Amino acid sequence: MRRLLDLLYDGAAWLAAAALMGLLAMVLLSIAGRQLQFHVPGTDAYAGYLMAAAGFLALAHTFKRGEHIRVTLVIARLGGGWRRGFEVWSLAAGGALAGLAAFYSVRLSWQSHSFHDISTGSDATPLWIPQLAMAVGSVILFVAFIDELVLELRGQRVHTTPEEALRNE
């Protein structure tokens, strides 16, 4: 199960990287179009869609590696049971919020598909397609929170401290 979950997080990170490469392509195409006097409709909209996709698809991978911004000032001063209790509460609260975000993201994508909602730009993209990346990223983040909560409850969670956070002043 551990390998499957890690593969899920890594796969989402690779999709986020692909979305960033697509974003770069859209920006470069837009710049080239301005310099060479041609226009490709929808490049701005697609750049926005790809930026959102990259952000949402990278959430779980970033979370699992301890790279999300986290307030450690309080938790570092807590000891033993208090620290573990705060960790469990934080993961449960984060999981609940991630679950709500996942539910409503999936619902939004489904409704956009059901209503045949399209973008207002000249490209007329069906909105459920870019919203799907947000929904998938939110669902994977929810799974990551549940994964971390289960690991914490079992006493198997590895507490990672990013090197950059140690050097911050």
C-alpha atoms as a PDB file:
ATOM      1  CA  MET A   1       0.000   0.000   0.000  1.00  0.00           C
ATOM      2  CA  ARG A   2       2.873   2.357   0.837  1.00  0.00           C
ATOM      3  CA  ARG A   3       4.365   1.962  -2.649  1.00  0.00           C
ATOM      4  CA  LEU A   4       1.000   2.624  -4.274  1.00  0.00           C
ATOM      5  CA  LEU A   5       0.456   5.817  -2.273  1.00  0.00           C
ATOM      6  CA  ASP A   6       3.977   7.061  -2.955  1.00  0.00           C
ATOM      7  CA  LEU A   7       3.447   6.300  -6.646  1.00  0.00           C
ATOM      8  CA  LEU A   8       0.203   8.321  -6.542  1.00  0.00           C
ATOM      9  CA  TYR A   9       1.945  11.334  -4.968  1.00  0.00           C
ATOM     10  CA  ASP A  10       4.885  11.102  -7.366  1.00  0.00           C
ATOM     11  CA  GLY A  11       2.588  10.674 -10.363  1.00  0.00           C
ATOM     12  CA  ALA A  12       0.674  13.806  -9.405  1.00  0.00           C
ATOM     13  CA  ALA A  13       3.984  15.672  -9.046  1.00  0.00           C
ATOM     14  CA  TRP A  14       5.031  14.564 -12.532  1.00  0.00           C
ATOM     15  CA  LEU A  15       1.700  15.765 -13.911  1.00  0.00           C
ATOM     16  CA  ALA A  16       2.277  19.086 -12.130  1.00  0.00           C
ATOM     17  CA  ALA A  17       5.702  19.310 -13.755  1.00  0.00           C
ATOM     18  CA  ALA A  18       4.147  18.599 -17.162  1.00  0.00           C
ATOM     19  CA  ALA A  19       1.603  21.345 -16.507  1.00  0.00           C
ATOM     20  CA  LEU A  20       4.456  23.749 -15.704  1.00  0.00           C
ATOM     21  CA  MET A  21       6.137  22.824 -18.977  1.00  0.00           C
ATOM     22  CA  GLY A  22       2.853  23.462 -20.774  1.00  0.00           C
ATOM     23  CA  LEU A  23       2.576  26.790 -18.976  1.00  0.00           C
ATOM     24  CA  LEU A  24       6.060  27.710 -20.176  1.00  0.00           C
ATOM     25  CA  ALA A  25       5.079  26.760 -23.728  1.00  0.00           C
ATOM     26  CA  MET A  26       1.971  28.958 -23.551  1.00  0.00           C
ATOM     27  CA  VAL A  27       3.937  31.932 -22.228  1.00  0.00           C
ATOM     28  CA  LEU A  28       6.660  31.515 -24.837  1.00  0.00           C
ATOM     29  CA  LEU A  29       4.058  31.161 -27.595  1.00  0.00           C
ATOM     30  CA  SER A  30       2.363  34.334 -26.405  1.00  0.00           C
ATOM     31  CA  ILE A  31       5.665  36.236 -26.320  1.00  0.00           C
ATOM     32  CA  ALA A  32       6.669  34.956 -29.755  1.00  0.00           C
ATOM     33  CA  GLY A  33       3.254  35.917 -31.087  1.00  0.00           C
ATOM     34  CA  ARG A  34       3.639  39.491 -29.877  1.00  0.00           C
ATOM     35  CA  GLN A  35       7.143  39.764 -31.326  1.00  0.00           C
ATOM     36  CA  LEU A  36       6.256  38.202 -34.685  1.00  0.00           C
ATOM     37  CA  GLN A  37       2.764  39.757 -35.022  1.00  0.00           C
ATOM     38  CA  PHE A  38       0.618  36.625 -34.831  1.00  0.00           C
ATOM     39  CA  HIS A  39      -1.996  35.652 -32.293  1.00  0.00           C
ATOM     40  CA  VAL A  40      -2.914  32.236 -30.957  1.00  0.00           C
ATOM     41  CA  PRO A  41      -6.312  32.515 -29.269  1.00  0.00           C
ATOM     42  CA  GLY A  42      -6.639  31.136 -25.760  1.00  0.00           C
ATOM     43  CA  THR A  43      -2.974  31.163 -24.744  1.00  0.00           C
ATOM     44  CA  ASP A  44      -3.703  33.333 -21.701  1.00  0.00           C
ATOM     45  CA  ALA A  45      -6.604  31.128 -20.616  1.00  0.00           C
ATOM     46  CA  TYR A  46      -4.629  27.919 -21.118  1.00  0.00           C
ATOM     47  CA  ALA A  47      -1.688  29.375 -19.214  1.00  0.00           C
ATOM     48  CA  GLY A  48      -4.062  30.067 -16.317  1.00  0.00           C
ATOM     49  CA  TYR A  49      -5.537  26.574 -16.479  1.00  0.00           C
ATOM     50  CA  LEU A  50      -2.078  25.009 -16.498  1.00  0.00           C
ATOM     51  CA  MET A  51      -0.909  27.172 -13.605  1.00  0.00           C
ATOM     52  CA  ALA A  52      -3.879  26.072 -11.503  1.00  0.00           C
ATOM     53  CA  ALA A  53      -3.321  22.440 -12.503  1.00  0.00           C
ATOM     54  CA  ALA A  54       0.343  22.611 -11.515  1.00  0.00           C
ATOM     55  CA  GLY A  55      -0.507  24.117  -8.145  1.00  0.00           C
ATOM     56  CA  PHE A  56      -3.217  21.641  -7.226  1.00  0.00           C
ATOM     57  CA  LEU A  57      -1.466  18.538  -8.540  1.00  0.00           C
ATOM     58  CA  ALA A  58       1.684  19.355  -6.573  1.00  0.00           C
ATOM     59  CA  LEU A  59      -0.092  19.833  -3.224  1.00  0.00           C
ATOM     60  CA  ALA A  60       0.091  16.248  -1.942  1.00  0.00           C
ATOM     61  CA  HIS A  61       3.675  15.657  -3.027  1.00  0.00           C
ATOM     62  CA  THR A  62       4.752  18.892  -1.356  1.00  0.00           C
ATOM     63  CA  PHE A  63       2.794  18.055   1.810  1.00  0.00           C
ATOM     64  CA  LYS A  64       4.259  14.552   2.095  1.00  0.00           C
ATOM     65  CA  ARG A  65       7.771  15.954   1.939  1.00  0.00           C
ATOM     66  CA  GLY A  66       7.164  18.521   4.659  1.00  0.00           C
ATOM     67  CA  GLU A  67       7.562  21.490   2.325  1.00  0.00           C
ATOM     68  CA  HIS A  68       4.277  23.261   3.069  1.00  0.00           C
ATOM     69  CA  ILE A  69       4.480  26.368   5.193  1.00  0.00           C
ATOM     70  CA  ARG A  70       3.911  25.304   8.768  1.00  0.00           C
ATOM     71  CA  VAL A  71       3.994  27.156  12.047  1.00  0.00           C
ATOM     72  CA  THR A  72       6.517  25.216  14.114  1.00  0.00           C
ATOM     73  CA  LEU A  73       7.005  27.861  16.785  1.00  0.00           C
ATOM     74  CA  VAL A  74       4.331  26.364  19.045  1.00  0.00           C
ATOM     75  CA  ILE A  75       4.738  22.714  18.149  1.00  0.00           C
ATOM     76  CA  ALA A  76       8.503  22.762  18.697  1.00  0.00           C
ATOM     77  CA  ARG A  77       7.958  23.857  22.305  1.00  0.00           C
ATOM     78  CA  LEU A  78       5.418  21.152  23.063  1.00  0.00           C
ATOM     79  CA  GLY A  79       6.607  17.913  24.522  1.00  0.00           C
ATOM     80  CA  GLY A  80       5.534  14.292  24.452  1.00  0.00           C
ATOM     81  CA  GLY A  81       1.794  13.748  24.531  1.00  0.00           C
ATOM     82  CA  TRP A  82       0.931  17.386  23.951  1.00  0.00           C
ATOM     83  CA  ARG A  83       2.949  17.472  20.758  1.00  0.00           C
ATOM     84  CA  ARG A  84       1.461  14.212  19.493  1.00  0.00           C
ATOM     85  CA  GLY A  85      -2.038  15.403  20.376  1.00  0.00           C
ATOM     86  CA  PHE A  86      -1.492  18.657  18.531  1.00  0.00           C
ATOM     87  CA  GLU A  87      -0.129  16.747  15.520  1.00  0.00           C
ATOM     88  CA  VAL A  88      -3.174  14.457  15.468  1.00  0.00           C
ATOM     89  CA  TRP A  89      -5.544  17.427  15.834  1.00  0.00           C
ATOM     90  CA  SER A  90      -3.724  19.347  13.069  1.00  0.00           C
ATOM     91  CA  LEU A  91      -3.778  16.404  10.684  1.00  0.00           C
ATOM     92  CA  ALA A  92      -7.445  15.678  11.417  1.00  0.00           C
ATOM     93  CA  ALA A  93      -8.421  19.328  10.908  1.00  0.00           C
ATOM     94  CA  GLY A  94      -6.309  19.567   7.751  1.00  0.00           C
ATOM     95  CA  GLY A  95      -7.813  16.322   6.498  1.00  0.00           C
ATOM     96  CA  ALA A  96     -11.329  17.610   7.120  1.00  0.00           C
ATOM     97  CA  LEU A  97     -10.594  20.831   5.242  1.00  0.00           C
ATOM     98  CA  ALA A  98      -8.892  18.932   2.409  1.00  0.00           C
ATOM     99  CA  GLY A  99     -11.901  16.600   2.267  1.00  0.00           C
ATOM    100  CA  LEU A 100     -14.266  19.546   1.937  1.00  0.00           C
ATOM    101  CA  ALA A 101     -12.097  21.079  -0.772  1.00  0.00           C
ATOM    102  CA  ALA A 102     -11.989  17.732  -2.583  1.00  0.00           C
ATOM    103  CA  PHE A 103     -15.742  17.241  -2.337  1.00  0.00           C
ATOM    104  CA  TYR A 104     -16.583  20.689  -3.657  1.00  0.00           C
ATOM    105  CA  SER A 105     -13.899  20.566  -6.366  1.00  0.00           C
ATOM    106  CA  VAL A 106     -15.235  17.269  -7.667  1.00  0.00           C
ATOM    107  CA  ARG A 107     -18.770  18.620  -7.432  1.00  0.00           C
ATOM    108  CA  LEU A 108     -17.843  21.786  -9.357  1.00  0.00           C
ATOM    109  CA  SER A 109     -16.201  19.771 -12.118  1.00  0.00           C
ATOM    110  CA  TRP A 110     -19.164  17.413 -12.320  1.00  0.00           C
ATOM    111  CA  GLN A 111     -21.655  20.287 -12.466  1.00  0.00           C
ATOM    112  CA  SER A 112     -19.648  22.059 -15.166  1.00  0.00           C
ATOM    113  CA  HIS A 113     -19.727  18.843 -17.174  1.00  0.00           C
ATOM    114  CA  SER A 114     -23.459  18.339 -16.570  1.00  0.00           C
ATOM    115  CA  PHE A 115     -24.381  21.911 -17.505  1.00  0.00           C
ATOM    116  CA  HIS A 116     -21.971  22.009 -20.479  1.00  0.00           C
ATOM    117  CA  ASP A 117     -20.337  25.083 -18.974  1.00  0.00           C
ATOM    118  CA  ILE A 118     -17.703  26.660 -21.249  1.00  0.00           C
ATOM    119  CA  SER A 119     -15.184  29.446 -20.778  1.00  0.00           C
ATOM    120  CA  THR A 120     -16.170  32.939 -21.825  1.00  0.00           C
ATOM    121  CA  GLY A 121     -13.044  33.361 -23.953  1.00  0.00           C
ATOM    122  CA  SER A 122     -12.809  32.822 -27.679  1.00  0.00           C
ATOM    123  CA  ASP A 123     -11.468  29.301 -27.108  1.00  0.00           C
ATOM    124  CA  ALA A 124     -14.768  28.134 -25.515  1.00  0.00           C
ATOM    125  CA  THR A 125     -13.074  25.417 -23.484  1.00  0.00           C
ATOM    126  CA  PRO A 126     -15.400  23.099 -21.558  1.00  0.00           C
ATOM    127  CA  LEU A 127     -14.626  24.170 -17.987  1.00  0.00           C
ATOM    128  CA  TRP A 128     -14.813  20.694 -16.500  1.00  0.00           C
ATOM    129  CA  ILE A 129     -11.507  19.840 -18.195  1.00  0.00           C
ATOM    130  CA  PRO A 130      -9.313  22.374 -16.342  1.00  0.00           C
ATOM    131  CA  GLN A 131     -11.419  21.938 -13.195  1.00  0.00           C
ATOM    132  CA  LEU A 132     -10.650  18.229 -13.266  1.00  0.00           C
ATOM    133  CA  ALA A 133      -6.998  18.904 -12.397  1.00  0.00           C
ATOM    134  CA  MET A 134      -8.133  20.908  -9.366  1.00  0.00           C
ATOM    135  CA  ALA A 135     -10.467  18.097  -8.303  1.00  0.00           C
ATOM    136  CA  VAL A 136      -7.839  15.373  -8.744  1.00  0.00           C
ATOM    137  CA  GLY A 137      -5.209  17.399  -6.888  1.00  0.00           C
ATOM    138  CA  SER A 138      -7.621  18.080  -4.022  1.00  0.00           C
ATOM    139  CA  VAL A 139      -8.594  14.419  -3.736  1.00  0.00           C
ATOM    140  CA  ILE A 140      -4.938  13.344  -3.673  1.00  0.00           C
ATOM    141  CA  LEU A 141      -4.204  15.959  -0.991  1.00  0.00           C
ATOM    142  CA  PHE A 142      -7.089  14.546   1.076  1.00  0.00           C
ATOM    143  CA  VAL A 143      -5.623  11.050   0.698  1.00  0.00           C
ATOM    144  CA  ALA A 144      -2.218  12.393   1.787  1.00  0.00           C
ATOM    145  CA  PHE A 145      -3.718  13.950   4.934  1.00  0.00           C
ATOM    146  CA  ILE A 146      -5.469  10.691   5.828  1.00  0.00           C
ATOM    147  CA  ASP A 147      -2.230   8.821   5.120  1.00  0.00           C
ATOM    148  CA  GLU A 148      -0.270  11.100   7.469  1.00  0.00           C
ATOM    149  CA  LEU A 149      -2.981  10.889  10.149  1.00  0.00           C
ATOM    150  CA  VAL A 150      -2.930   7.083  10.074  1.00  0.00           C
ATOM    151  CA  LEU A 151       0.871   7.071  10.231  1.00  0.00           C
ATOM    152  CA  GLU A 152       0.790   9.474  13.200  1.00  0.00           C
ATOM    153  CA  LEU A 153      -1.796   7.366  15.051  1.00  0.00           C
ATOM    154  CA  ARG A 154       0.319   4.243  14.468  1.00  0.00           C
ATOM    155  CA  GLY A 155       3.470   6.037  15.610  1.00  0.00           C
ATOM    156  CA  GLN A 156       5.120   5.532  12.217  1.00  0.00           C
ATOM    157  CA  ARG A 157       5.105   9.101  10.958  1.00  0.00           C
ATOM    158  CA  VAL A 158       8.464  10.574  10.068  1.00  0.00           C
ATOM    159  CA  HIS A 159       8.625  14.232  11.036  1.00  0.00           C
ATOM    160  CA  THR A 160      10.526  16.027   8.311  1.00  0.00           C
ATOM    161  CA  THR A 161      12.034  19.436   8.836  1.00  0.00           C
ATOM    162  CA  PRO A 162      13.009  21.196   5.617  1.00  0.00           C
ATOM    163  CA  GLU A 163      16.591  22.438   5.623  1.00  0.00           C
ATOM    164  CA  GLU A 164      15.494  25.929   4.556  1.00  0.00           C
ATOM    165  CA  ALA A 165      13.243  26.276   7.587  1.00  0.00           C
ATOM    166  CA  LEU A 166      16.213  25.619   9.848  1.00  0.00           C
ATOM    167  CA  ARG A 167      18.174  28.483   8.289  1.00  0.00           C
ATOM    168  CA  ASN A 168      15.356  31.050   8.351  1.00  0.00           C
ATOM    169  CA  GLU A 169      15.819  33.994  10.644  1.00  0.00           C
END
